[in-house]
Amino acid sequence: MTWRTAAIVMMAALQPASSGSSAVIQADGSVGDVSARAGKHLVRSGKHLPQAELIEEVAASNTSQDETSSFKLALYVKQMQGPLKYAWAGWDSCEEYDSGGDQKTKFYCAKAKSVKITFVGASRGVFKLKPNGEKSLQDLFTGAHQVLGDVNHWRSVAHCFAPHCNLMGFQSRATSRKCRFGLITNNENDCNTPDHNAGVGCTTIATGSHATCCASCAKKEFDTKIEVEPLICEEDVCPKEEKVLKKELPDFCEGSECTVDECCDPKPKSASQMSHFAVSMLLLSGLML
């Protein structure tokens, strides 16, 4: 056995065994406690545990005052015919933007525990979901199509719409109409020649509802405001007996997990561990001679 191999074996023996993880999904979609290391990262507990599907919270009144205070503005789109349409290059970057009442903040790229989307002034204009720290708004705006909301909810928001197609949610995309988050409809019974789009970051509008099929209600103007509850370093991020660092913490987590190195003060070694370590180093020294 070479001294390098011996060193690896000795150091491996000093590492604590990792605990397994388990979860219980409740009827309301919440998840029970889970706490286990995965390399440098921690699988989070309760509210931070990843879930397979996005969950819509229809009732805006369910938001508590404490929840509201923890939300941060990620995006505000005011100009209906402004630059923040579907093809805007800024969707793919984390660079901040502020012009003409339109604003994209650093929280656009923050991994979010919760997201609240408000079409300001639109009927039933609030959508809520819980990515549980797995996705940022950027991930949702640039990823795969994900349905959020039902057709009646979206039709209330849009005011004008055609009867068919009804693509809705994140990354709704038909042949000639696309929305980062929105509804696409068509007069014909397919999505080949859509007449209408509504939402934010759409092909023909940056925010609002626009139809080419219906002269009597061709457009509806509304602003879009999107807030996120960012994933941050909290007590339940750290393994047992470790504490959250008191300074130099990141504003939010850009990765799906904050690393233990970023968030936590390492647990000090016990006297027995130190003694074991000292004996091991002496043995290694002997092997190298």
Protein backbone atom coordinates (compact mmCIF):
# COMPACT_ATOMS: atom_id res chain seq x y z
CA MET A 1 0.00 0.00 0.00
CA THR A 2 1.47 3.39 -0.97
CA TRP A 3 1.41 6.26 1.50
CA ARG A 4 -1.11 8.09 -0.71
CA THR A 5 -3.50 5.12 -0.63
CA ALA A 6 -3.06 4.80 3.12
CA ALA A 7 -3.86 8.48 3.58
CA ILE A 8 -7.07 8.16 1.60
CA VAL A 9 -8.15 5.12 3.63
CA MET A 10 -7.38 6.83 6.94
CA MET A 11 -9.22 10.04 6.05
CA ALA A 12 -12.26 8.10 4.83
CA ALA A 13 -12.47 6.39 8.20
CA LEU A 14 -12.72 9.76 9.89
CA GLN A 15 -15.75 10.88 7.89
CA PRO A 16 -19.16 10.53 9.64
CA ALA A 17 -21.60 8.18 7.96
CA SER A 18 -24.25 10.00 5.98
CA SER A 19 -27.82 9.53 7.11
CA GLY A 20 -30.59 8.42 4.77
CA SER A 21 -33.46 10.66 3.79
CA SER A 22 -37.20 10.15 3.78
CA ALA A 23 -40.25 12.27 3.15
CA VAL A 24 -43.99 12.21 3.76
CA ILE A 25 -46.20 14.14 1.35
CA GLN A 26 -49.24 15.48 3.15
CA ALA A 27 -52.73 15.94 1.70
CA ASP A 28 -52.12 19.68 1.34
CA GLY A 29 -48.95 19.12 -0.69
CA SER A 30 -46.52 19.91 2.16
CA VAL A 31 -43.62 17.62 2.85
CA GLY A 32 -42.43 16.21 6.18
CA ASP A 33 -38.96 16.71 7.66
CA VAL A 34 -35.96 15.47 5.76
CA SER A 35 -32.35 16.13 6.72
CA ALA A 36 -29.41 14.39 5.07
CA ARG A 37 -26.11 15.36 3.53
CA ALA A 38 -25.42 14.81 -0.15
CA GLY A 39 -21.74 15.62 -0.66
CA LYS A 40 -21.30 19.30 0.21
CA HIS A 41 -25.02 19.95 -0.16
CA LEU A 42 -27.88 19.43 2.19
CA VAL A 43 -31.26 17.99 1.28
CA ARG A 44 -33.53 20.48 2.97
CA SER A 45 -36.45 19.93 5.29
CA GLY A 46 -40.14 20.76 5.00
CA LYS A 47 -40.76 23.86 2.94
CA HIS A 48 -37.48 23.55 1.04
CA LEU A 49 -37.87 19.98 -0.17
CA PRO A 50 -38.14 19.69 -3.98
CA GLN A 51 -41.51 18.61 -5.34
CA ALA A 52 -42.19 17.04 -8.70
CA GLU A 53 -44.92 19.49 -9.75
CA LEU A 54 -45.64 23.16 -9.34
CA ILE A 55 -48.56 23.86 -7.01
CA GLU A 56 -51.00 26.66 -7.70
CA GLU A 57 -52.51 28.48 -4.74
CA VAL A 58 -55.72 29.96 -6.09
CA ALA A 59 -56.79 31.96 -3.03
CA ALA A 60 -54.65 35.09 -2.73
CA SER A 61 -56.16 35.69 0.74
CA ASN A 62 -54.16 32.71 2.04
CA THR A 63 -50.99 34.82 2.04
CA SER A 64 -50.03 35.88 5.56
CA GLN A 65 -48.41 39.21 6.47
CA ASP A 66 -45.14 37.43 7.32
CA GLU A 67 -45.11 35.75 3.89
CA THR A 68 -45.78 39.06 2.15
CA SER A 69 -42.83 40.74 3.86
CA SER A 70 -40.44 38.01 2.69
CA PHE A 71 -41.30 38.44 -1.01
CA LYS A 72 -38.92 40.41 -3.24
CA LEU A 73 -39.66 42.06 -6.58
CA ALA A 74 -38.16 40.04 -9.43
CA LEU A 75 -39.93 41.59 -12.45
CA TYR A 76 -42.22 44.50 -13.27
CA VAL A 77 -43.43 45.06 -16.84
CA LYS A 78 -45.35 48.27 -17.51
CA GLN A 79 -45.00 49.02 -21.23
CA MET A 80 -47.43 46.97 -23.33
CA GLN A 81 -45.40 47.63 -26.46
CA GLY A 82 -42.06 47.88 -24.64
CA PRO A 83 -38.95 45.77 -25.25
CA LEU A 84 -39.79 42.92 -22.84
CA LYS A 85 -41.58 40.79 -25.42
CA TYR A 86 -40.90 37.10 -26.01
CA ALA A 87 -37.73 37.61 -28.08
CA TRP A 88 -36.07 39.96 -25.56
CA ALA A 89 -32.49 38.78 -24.94
CA GLY A 90 -32.65 39.77 -21.26
CA TRP A 91 -34.71 36.71 -20.33
CA ASP A 92 -31.61 34.52 -20.71
CA SER A 93 -29.34 36.55 -18.42
CA CYS A 94 -29.19 37.61 -14.78
CA GLU A 95 -28.27 41.17 -15.69
CA GLU A 96 -30.53 43.71 -13.99
CA TYR A 97 -32.69 46.04 -16.08
CA ASP A 98 -34.55 49.28 -15.27
CA SER A 99 -36.00 51.47 -18.02
CA GLY A 100 -39.33 53.15 -18.81
CA GLY A 101 -41.08 51.62 -15.80
CA ASP A 102 -39.94 48.08 -16.72
CA GLN A 103 -37.69 46.43 -14.15
CA LYS A 104 -35.84 43.13 -13.79
CA THR A 105 -33.98 42.71 -10.47
CA LYS A 106 -31.32 40.35 -9.14
CA PHE A 107 -34.13 38.20 -7.70
CA TYR A 108 -35.07 37.11 -11.23
CA CYS A 109 -32.28 34.51 -10.89
CA ALA A 110 -32.84 33.63 -7.22
CA LYS A 111 -34.04 30.11 -6.50
CA ALA A 112 -37.56 30.66 -5.16
CA LYS A 113 -39.50 29.00 -2.39
CA SER A 114 -42.66 30.74 -3.66
CA VAL A 115 -43.62 32.88 -6.65
CA LYS A 116 -46.51 35.35 -6.84
CA ILE A 117 -47.56 36.69 -10.27
CA THR A 118 -49.97 39.63 -10.38
CA PHE A 119 -51.54 41.02 -13.55
CA VAL A 120 -52.29 44.41 -12.02
CA GLY A 121 -55.92 45.44 -12.56
CA ALA A 122 -56.95 42.26 -14.39
CA SER A 123 -59.86 40.16 -13.16
CA ARG A 124 -58.59 37.17 -11.14
CA GLY A 125 -55.11 38.45 -11.92
CA VAL A 126 -53.12 36.55 -9.28
CA PHE A 127 -51.27 33.25 -9.76
CA LYS A 128 -49.16 31.61 -7.05
CA LEU A 129 -46.88 28.59 -7.09
CA LYS A 130 -44.27 26.93 -4.91
CA PRO A 131 -41.11 25.75 -6.69
CA ASN A 132 -39.72 25.02 -3.17
CA GLY A 133 -36.24 26.25 -3.96
CA GLU A 134 -35.83 24.16 -7.08
CA LYS A 135 -36.41 26.86 -9.72
CA SER A 136 -35.85 30.57 -10.28
CA LEU A 137 -38.12 32.82 -12.31
CA GLN A 138 -35.46 32.65 -15.03
CA ASP A 139 -35.73 28.84 -15.02
CA LEU A 140 -39.51 29.06 -15.42
CA PHE A 141 -39.33 31.71 -18.18
CA THR A 142 -36.68 29.89 -20.24
CA GLY A 143 -37.39 26.21 -19.54
CA ALA A 144 -40.00 23.72 -20.71
CA HIS A 145 -43.72 24.41 -20.99
CA GLN A 146 -45.41 24.09 -17.60
CA VAL A 147 -49.14 24.51 -17.16
CA LEU A 148 -50.30 26.78 -14.37
CA GLY A 149 -53.95 27.80 -13.90
CA ASP A 150 -57.11 26.61 -15.64
CA VAL A 151 -58.74 27.98 -18.78
CA ASN A 152 -61.47 29.89 -16.92
CA HIS A 153 -58.89 31.61 -14.72
CA TRP A 154 -56.90 32.67 -17.79
CA ARG A 155 -59.99 33.82 -19.72
CA SER A 156 -60.93 36.11 -16.82
CA VAL A 157 -57.44 37.65 -16.99
CA ALA A 158 -57.38 38.00 -20.78
CA HIS A 159 -60.91 39.46 -21.21
CA CYS A 160 -60.61 38.89 -25.00
CA PHE A 161 -59.84 35.39 -26.28
CA ALA A 162 -60.62 32.88 -29.04
CA PRO A 163 -62.29 29.54 -28.20
CA HIS A 164 -59.56 27.05 -29.16
CA CYS A 165 -55.90 26.08 -28.58
CA ASN A 166 -55.74 27.38 -24.97
CA LEU A 167 -52.03 26.93 -24.36
CA MET A 168 -51.41 28.37 -20.89
CA GLY A 169 -48.71 28.67 -18.28
CA PHE A 170 -44.95 29.10 -18.55
CA GLN A 171 -43.37 28.97 -22.00
CA SER A 172 -46.66 28.70 -23.88
CA ARG A 173 -45.61 28.41 -27.51
CA ALA A 174 -47.57 28.02 -30.75
CA THR A 175 -46.41 28.64 -34.31
CA SER A 176 -46.71 32.43 -34.42
CA ARG A 177 -47.56 33.31 -30.79
CA LYS A 178 -45.44 32.68 -27.70
CA CYS A 179 -45.52 33.87 -24.08
CA ARG A 180 -43.04 33.54 -21.26
CA PHE A 181 -46.08 33.23 -19.01
CA GLY A 182 -49.48 33.50 -20.61
CA LEU A 183 -52.41 32.22 -22.64
CA ILE A 184 -52.55 31.57 -26.40
CA THR A 185 -55.89 31.00 -28.19
CA ASN A 186 -57.13 30.45 -31.75
CA ASN A 187 -60.41 30.71 -33.68
CA GLU A 188 -59.66 27.43 -35.49
CA ASN A 189 -59.64 24.15 -33.60
CA ASP A 190 -55.83 23.89 -33.46
CA CYS A 191 -52.74 25.95 -32.49
CA ASN A 192 -51.44 26.44 -36.04
CA THR A 193 -52.69 30.00 -36.62
CA PRO A 194 -53.28 31.57 -33.18
CA ASP A 195 -55.18 34.87 -33.08
CA HIS A 196 -54.50 35.93 -29.52
CA ASN A 197 -51.94 36.07 -26.71
CA ALA A 198 -52.20 37.36 -23.14
CA GLY A 199 -49.78 37.53 -20.23
CA VAL A 200 -46.16 38.67 -19.99
CA GLY A 201 -43.29 38.39 -22.44
CA CYS A 202 -45.52 37.52 -25.42
CA THR A 203 -44.83 37.77 -29.14
CA THR A 204 -46.99 40.82 -29.86
CA ILE A 205 -47.04 42.45 -26.40
CA ALA A 206 -44.76 42.71 -23.38
CA THR A 207 -47.72 42.70 -20.97
CA GLY A 208 -51.50 42.67 -21.37
CA SER A 209 -53.89 40.90 -23.75
CA HIS A 210 -53.94 41.30 -27.55
CA ALA A 211 -56.19 39.70 -30.18
CA THR A 212 -56.30 40.02 -33.97
CA CYS A 213 -59.58 38.11 -34.22
CA CYS A 214 -61.92 40.37 -32.26
CA ALA A 215 -62.27 44.02 -33.24
CA SER A 216 -64.67 44.76 -30.39
CA CYS A 217 -62.03 43.90 -27.74
CA ALA A 218 -58.70 43.80 -29.54
CA LYS A 219 -56.62 44.55 -26.45
CA LYS A 220 -56.64 44.86 -22.68
CA GLU A 221 -53.86 46.70 -20.90
CA PHE A 222 -52.46 45.63 -17.53
CA ASP A 223 -49.06 45.69 -15.84
CA THR A 224 -47.29 42.52 -14.71
CA LYS A 225 -45.69 42.28 -11.26
CA ILE A 226 -43.80 39.14 -10.22
CA GLU A 227 -42.46 38.64 -6.71
CA VAL A 228 -40.44 35.73 -5.36
CA GLU A 229 -39.67 34.47 -1.89
CA PRO A 230 -35.96 33.71 -2.35
CA LEU A 231 -34.19 30.70 -0.91
CA ILE A 232 -31.80 32.01 1.74
CA CYS A 233 -29.51 30.66 4.45
CA GLU A 234 -31.75 29.65 7.37
CA GLU A 235 -31.34 27.43 10.43
CA ASP A 236 -32.87 24.37 8.74
CA VAL A 237 -30.26 24.58 5.96
CA CYS A 238 -27.44 23.50 8.30
CA PRO A 239 -26.74 19.97 9.56
CA LYS A 240 -27.33 19.14 13.21
CA GLU A 241 -25.11 21.07 15.66
CA GLU A 242 -24.00 23.55 12.97
CA LYS A 243 -25.16 27.14 12.98
CA VAL A 244 -25.83 29.65 10.21
CA LEU A 245 -22.89 31.99 9.68
CA LYS A 246 -23.33 35.41 11.25
CA LYS A 247 -21.66 37.36 8.42
CA GLU A 248 -20.71 37.15 4.75
CA LEU A 249 -23.91 35.30 3.85
CA PRO A 250 -25.15 35.42 0.24
CA ASP A 251 -28.28 37.51 -0.39
CA PHE A 252 -29.96 34.43 -1.81
CA CYS A 253 -29.17 31.04 -3.28
CA GLU A 254 -28.60 30.82 -7.02
CA GLY A 255 -28.05 27.05 -6.88
CA SER A 256 -30.85 24.60 -6.12
CA GLU A 257 -29.25 24.28 -2.68
CA CYS A 258 -27.02 26.63 -0.70
CA THR A 259 -23.82 24.75 0.02
CA VAL A 260 -22.90 24.08 3.62
CA ASP A 261 -19.74 26.11 3.02
CA GLU A 262 -21.81 29.18 2.09
CA CYS A 263 -24.32 29.01 4.92
CA CYS A 264 -23.00 27.12 7.90
CA ASP A 265 -20.34 27.37 10.59
CA PRO A 266 -18.58 23.96 10.58
CA LYS A 267 -19.10 21.79 13.66
CA PRO A 268 -15.90 21.77 15.81
CA LYS A 269 -14.21 18.39 16.23
CA SER A 270 -14.62 16.73 19.60
CA ALA A 271 -11.56 15.87 21.74
CA SER A 272 -11.84 12.19 20.82
CA GLN A 273 -12.00 13.04 17.12
CA MET A 274 -8.92 15.24 17.46
CA SER A 275 -7.07 12.47 19.28
CA HIS A 276 -8.06 9.98 16.61
CA PHE A 277 -6.89 12.40 13.93
CA ALA A 278 -3.52 12.91 15.66
CA VAL A 279 -2.91 9.14 15.93
CA SER A 280 -3.83 8.71 12.27
CA MET A 281 -1.37 11.42 11.20
CA LEU A 282 1.41 9.76 13.20
CA LEU A 283 0.66 6.45 11.48
CA LEU A 284 0.76 8.15 8.10
CA SER A 285 4.09 9.75 8.96
CA GLY A 286 5.49 6.31 9.74
CA LEU A 287 4.27 4.93 6.40
CA MET A 288 5.95 7.75 4.50
CA LEU A 289 9.36 7.15 6.13
